Amino acid sequence: MSRDRDILSLKAADVMTRGAVSIAPGVLAAEALNIMEQRKITAIVVVDESRRVAGVLHLHELWRTGLV
């Protein structure tokens, strides 16, 4: 993002990540963590069979479980 752009005029499409990494709801938390570590990301999109977003798993949630 250019610093000379007015942040309040930006649309989600201007700042979103295209082709986000996603997993199915049945993927084990340990595997999700492994994917996050390999990709060096802190969140992963959870999608159902229809590729609809079911949620977003964030690294902080894994910390709360004691997995990390």
C-alpha atoms as a PDB file:
ATOM      1  CA  MET A   1       0.000   0.000   0.000  1.00  0.00           C
ATOM      2  CA  SER A   2       1.232   3.392  -0.904  1.00  0.00           C
ATOM      3  CA  ARG A   3       1.518   5.836   1.984  1.00  0.00           C
ATOM      4  CA  ASP A   4      -0.031   8.652  -0.036  1.00  0.00           C
ATOM      5  CA  ARG A   5      -3.408   6.859  -0.319  1.00  0.00           C
ATOM      6  CA  ASP A   6      -6.182   7.785   2.088  1.00  0.00           C
ATOM      7  CA  ILE A   7      -6.709   4.647   4.190  1.00  0.00           C
ATOM      8  CA  LEU A   8     -10.365   5.515   4.768  1.00  0.00           C
ATOM      9  CA  SER A   9     -11.078   5.356   1.040  1.00  0.00           C
ATOM     10  CA  LEU A  10      -9.644   1.856   0.568  1.00  0.00           C
ATOM     11  CA  LYS A  11     -11.903  -1.111  -0.135  1.00  0.00           C
ATOM     12  CA  ALA A  12     -11.377  -4.603   1.235  1.00  0.00           C
ATOM     13  CA  ALA A  13     -10.249  -5.704  -2.241  1.00  0.00           C
ATOM     14  CA  ASP A  14      -7.447  -3.128  -2.072  1.00  0.00           C
ATOM     15  CA  VAL A  15      -5.824  -4.732   0.966  1.00  0.00           C
ATOM     16  CA  MET A  16      -7.005  -8.363   1.100  1.00  0.00           C
ATOM     17  CA  THR A  17      -4.882 -11.417   0.514  1.00  0.00           C
ATOM     18  CA  ARG A  18      -5.854 -13.239  -2.655  1.00  0.00           C
ATOM     19  CA  GLY A  19      -5.610 -17.018  -2.689  1.00  0.00           C
ATOM     20  CA  ALA A  20      -5.514 -17.375   1.085  1.00  0.00           C
ATOM     21  CA  VAL A  21      -4.392 -20.690   2.547  1.00  0.00           C
ATOM     22  CA  SER A  22      -7.373 -22.783   3.638  1.00  0.00           C
ATOM     23  CA  ILE A  23      -8.138 -26.071   5.381  1.00  0.00           C
ATOM     24  CA  ALA A  24     -11.203 -28.260   5.944  1.00  0.00           C
ATOM     25  CA  PRO A  25     -12.983 -28.239   9.324  1.00  0.00           C
ATOM     26  CA  GLY A  26     -11.837 -31.794  10.062  1.00  0.00           C
ATOM     27  CA  VAL A  27      -8.120 -31.027   9.874  1.00  0.00           C
ATOM     28  CA  LEU A  28      -6.394 -31.605  13.221  1.00  0.00           C
ATOM     29  CA  ALA A  29      -5.197 -28.507  15.061  1.00  0.00           C
ATOM     30  CA  ALA A  30      -1.625 -29.863  15.044  1.00  0.00           C
ATOM     31  CA  GLU A  31      -1.723 -30.121  11.240  1.00  0.00           C
ATOM     32  CA  ALA A  32      -3.124 -26.589  10.973  1.00  0.00           C
ATOM     33  CA  LEU A  33      -0.232 -25.390  13.142  1.00  0.00           C
ATOM     34  CA  ASN A  34       2.230 -27.243  10.934  1.00  0.00           C
ATOM     35  CA  ILE A  35       0.798 -25.536   7.821  1.00  0.00           C
ATOM     36  CA  MET A  36       0.988 -22.136   9.522  1.00  0.00           C
ATOM     37  CA  GLU A  37       4.609 -22.707  10.508  1.00  0.00           C
ATOM     38  CA  GLN A  38       5.592 -23.915   7.018  1.00  0.00           C
ATOM     39  CA  ARG A  39       3.865 -20.978   5.323  1.00  0.00           C
ATOM     40  CA  LYS A  40       4.960 -18.475   7.995  1.00  0.00           C
ATOM     41  CA  ILE A  41       1.387 -17.253   8.501  1.00  0.00           C
ATOM     42  CA  THR A  42      -0.592 -16.523  11.676  1.00  0.00           C
ATOM     43  CA  ALA A  43      -4.111 -17.340  10.460  1.00  0.00           C
ATOM     44  CA  ILE A  44      -5.719 -19.893   8.181  1.00  0.00           C
ATOM     45  CA  VAL A  45      -9.199 -19.901   6.622  1.00  0.00           C
ATOM     46  CA  VAL A  46     -11.424 -22.897   7.388  1.00  0.00           C
ATOM     47  CA  VAL A  47     -13.738 -23.774   4.489  1.00  0.00           C
ATOM     48  CA  ASP A  48     -16.494 -26.384   4.143  1.00  0.00           C
ATOM     49  CA  GLU A  49     -17.098 -28.798   1.260  1.00  0.00           C
ATOM     50  CA  SER A  50     -18.741 -26.016  -0.756  1.00  0.00           C
ATOM     51  CA  ARG A  51     -15.653 -23.802  -0.267  1.00  0.00           C
ATOM     52  CA  ARG A  52     -17.707 -21.484   1.940  1.00  0.00           C
ATOM     53  CA  VAL A  53     -15.862 -19.867   4.818  1.00  0.00           C
ATOM     54  CA  ALA A  54     -16.688 -21.640   8.068  1.00  0.00           C
ATOM     55  CA  GLY A  55     -14.242 -19.596  10.129  1.00  0.00           C
ATOM     56  CA  VAL A  56     -10.701 -18.421  10.589  1.00  0.00           C
ATOM     57  CA  LEU A  57      -8.199 -20.154  12.857  1.00  0.00           C
ATOM     58  CA  HIS A  58      -5.619 -17.829  14.368  1.00  0.00           C
ATOM     59  CA  LEU A  59      -2.342 -18.804  15.973  1.00  0.00           C
ATOM     60  CA  HIS A  60      -3.456 -17.143  19.238  1.00  0.00           C
ATOM     61  CA  GLU A  61      -6.318 -19.636  19.478  1.00  0.00           C
ATOM     62  CA  LEU A  62      -3.825 -22.483  19.254  1.00  0.00           C
ATOM     63  CA  TRP A  63      -1.750 -20.854  21.995  1.00  0.00           C
ATOM     64  CA  ARG A  64      -4.803 -20.842  24.279  1.00  0.00           C
ATOM     65  CA  THR A  65      -5.175 -24.613  23.811  1.00  0.00           C
ATOM     66  CA  GLY A  66      -1.581 -25.176  24.886  1.00  0.00           C
ATOM     67  CA  LEU A  67      -0.724 -26.709  21.519  1.00  0.00           C
ATOM     68  CA  VAL A  68       1.916 -24.063  20.884  1.00  0.00           C
END
